[in-house]
Protein backbone atom coordinates (compact mmCIF):
# COMPACT_ATOMS: atom_id res chain seq x y z
CA UNK A 1 8.95 -9.18 10.78
CA UNK A 2 6.48 -6.36 11.27
CA UNK A 3 4.43 -4.12 9.02
CA UNK A 4 2.74 -1.05 10.50
CA UNK A 5 0.36 0.67 8.10
CA UNK A 6 -1.02 4.15 8.75
CA UNK A 7 -2.57 7.14 7.05
CA UNK A 8 -6.01 5.80 6.24
CA UNK A 9 -9.23 7.63 6.93
CA UNK A 10 -12.37 9.06 5.43
CA UNK A 11 -11.95 10.90 2.14
CA UNK A 12 -14.40 12.30 -0.39
CA UNK A 13 -14.49 11.07 -3.98
CA UNK A 14 -11.84 12.88 -5.98
CA UNK A 15 -9.74 13.51 -2.90
CA UNK A 16 -6.26 12.39 -1.94
CA UNK A 17 -4.64 10.37 0.79
CA UNK A 18 -1.13 9.12 1.54
CA UNK A 19 -0.61 5.78 3.23
CA UNK A 20 2.61 4.75 4.95
CA UNK A 21 3.96 1.37 5.94
CA UNK A 22 6.93 1.14 8.26
CA UNK A 23 8.67 -2.22 8.36
CA UNK A 24 11.13 -4.04 10.61
CA UNK A 25 12.75 -7.44 10.92
CA UNK A 26 14.29 -7.77 7.47
CA UNK A 27 16.71 -5.85 5.19
CA UNK A 28 14.10 -3.59 3.64
CA UNK A 29 16.26 -2.18 0.84
CA UNK A 30 16.93 -5.64 -0.61
CA UNK A 31 13.30 -6.54 -1.29
CA UNK A 32 10.44 -5.49 -3.47
CA UNK A 33 7.44 -4.13 -1.61
CA UNK A 34 3.74 -4.41 -2.32
CA UNK A 35 0.49 -2.71 -1.42
CA UNK A 36 -2.65 -4.83 -1.26
CA UNK A 37 -6.24 -3.99 -0.41
CA UNK A 38 -9.27 -5.94 0.69
CA UNK A 39 -12.79 -4.64 0.36
CA UNK A 40 -15.68 -6.12 2.34
CA UNK A 41 -16.72 -9.45 0.90
CA UNK A 42 -13.89 -9.50 -1.63
CA UNK A 43 -10.54 -11.19 -1.86
CA UNK A 44 -7.32 -9.34 -1.14
CA UNK A 45 -5.95 -7.83 -4.35
CA UNK A 46 -2.57 -6.47 -5.38
CA UNK A 47 -2.67 -2.72 -5.91
CA UNK A 48 0.94 -1.70 -6.55
CA UNK A 49 4.51 -2.94 -6.35
CA UNK A 50 7.98 -1.40 -6.30
CA UNK A 51 11.31 -3.16 -6.78
CA UNK A 52 14.17 -2.93 -4.31
CA UNK A 53 16.97 -0.65 -5.47
CA UNK A 54 15.86 0.42 -8.93
CA UNK A 55 12.39 1.37 -7.73
CA UNK A 56 10.55 0.12 -10.78
CA UNK A 57 6.82 0.33 -10.17
CA UNK A 58 3.76 -1.53 -11.39
CA UNK A 59 0.05 -0.98 -10.77
CA UNK A 60 -3.28 -2.69 -11.04
CA UNK A 61 -5.28 -1.36 -13.97
CA UNK A 62 -7.91 -0.07 -11.57
CA UNK A 63 -5.49 2.40 -9.94
CA UNK A 64 -3.06 3.15 -12.76
CA UNK A 65 -2.64 6.88 -13.24
CA UNK A 66 -4.19 7.67 -9.84
CA UNK A 67 -1.99 5.91 -7.28
CA UNK A 68 1.77 6.17 -6.80
CA UNK A 69 3.92 3.77 -4.82
CA UNK A 70 7.27 4.96 -3.50
CA UNK A 71 9.81 3.94 -0.89
CA UNK A 72 12.40 5.43 1.44
CA UNK A 73 15.03 2.78 2.08
CA UNK A 74 16.65 4.90 4.80
CA UNK A 75 13.39 4.83 6.75
CA UNK A 76 12.35 1.26 5.92
CA UNK A 77 9.06 2.72 4.74
CA UNK A 78 6.89 2.30 1.68
CA UNK A 79 4.20 4.81 0.69
CA UNK A 80 1.05 4.79 -1.38
CA UNK A 81 -0.16 8.15 -2.61
CA UNK A 82 -3.78 7.97 -3.64
CA UNK A 83 -5.22 10.69 -5.87
CA UNK A 84 -8.62 11.05 -7.50
CA UNK A 85 -10.01 8.38 -5.21
CA UNK A 86 -13.23 6.61 -6.10
CA UNK A 87 -15.93 4.92 -4.04
CA UNK A 88 -14.55 1.56 -5.13
CA UNK A 89 -11.18 2.33 -3.51
CA UNK A 90 -12.81 1.76 -0.12
CA UNK A 91 -10.91 -1.10 1.53
CA UNK A 92 -8.39 -2.04 4.17
CA UNK A 93 -4.93 -1.45 2.75
CA UNK A 94 -1.94 -3.64 3.64
CA UNK A 95 1.72 -3.65 2.69
CA UNK A 96 3.93 -6.70 2.36
CA UNK A 97 7.40 -7.73 1.31
CA UNK A 98 10.59 -9.36 2.50
CA UNK A 99 11.96 -12.90 2.43
CA UNK A 100 8.85 -14.47 4.01
CA UNK A 101 6.44 -12.94 1.57
CA UNK A 102 2.80 -13.16 2.71
CA UNK A 103 3.70 -14.99 5.93
CA UNK A 104 3.32 -11.90 8.06
CA UNK A 105 0.69 -9.17 7.74
CA UNK A 106 0.09 -5.95 9.59
CA UNK A 107 -3.24 -4.71 10.87
CA UNK A 108 -3.83 -2.67 7.74
CA UNK A 109 -5.24 0.82 7.48
CA UNK A 110 -8.87 1.53 6.59
CA UNK A 111 -9.61 3.83 3.67
CA UNK A 112 -13.21 4.88 3.26
CA UNK A 113 -14.26 6.92 0.25
CA UNK A 114 -17.62 8.55 0.81
CA UNK A 115 -19.41 11.79 0.15
């Protein structure tokens, strides 16, 4: 099982960014997927989730209305579109999912919000 996150970078407050996570090693379309983030000195927190086929989404209160999770089952990829970013969105972002939930993690992608 592998997760490869990409798309992070430096963005100004109020800006936008789209993260991608390409997966392998499990039947992607059969499992819900999740985006997590971890800021320096803080625990990893769940940001967004999306179910397998129906694509029902859910968000942490801190990102609701600003972030959108989506998936492309043909590409085994999950996305996180970040709009109206805030300083407090600065973190390393990770995706996860599959039958061995939380057993495997990718390297994450760094998002830094700064003016």
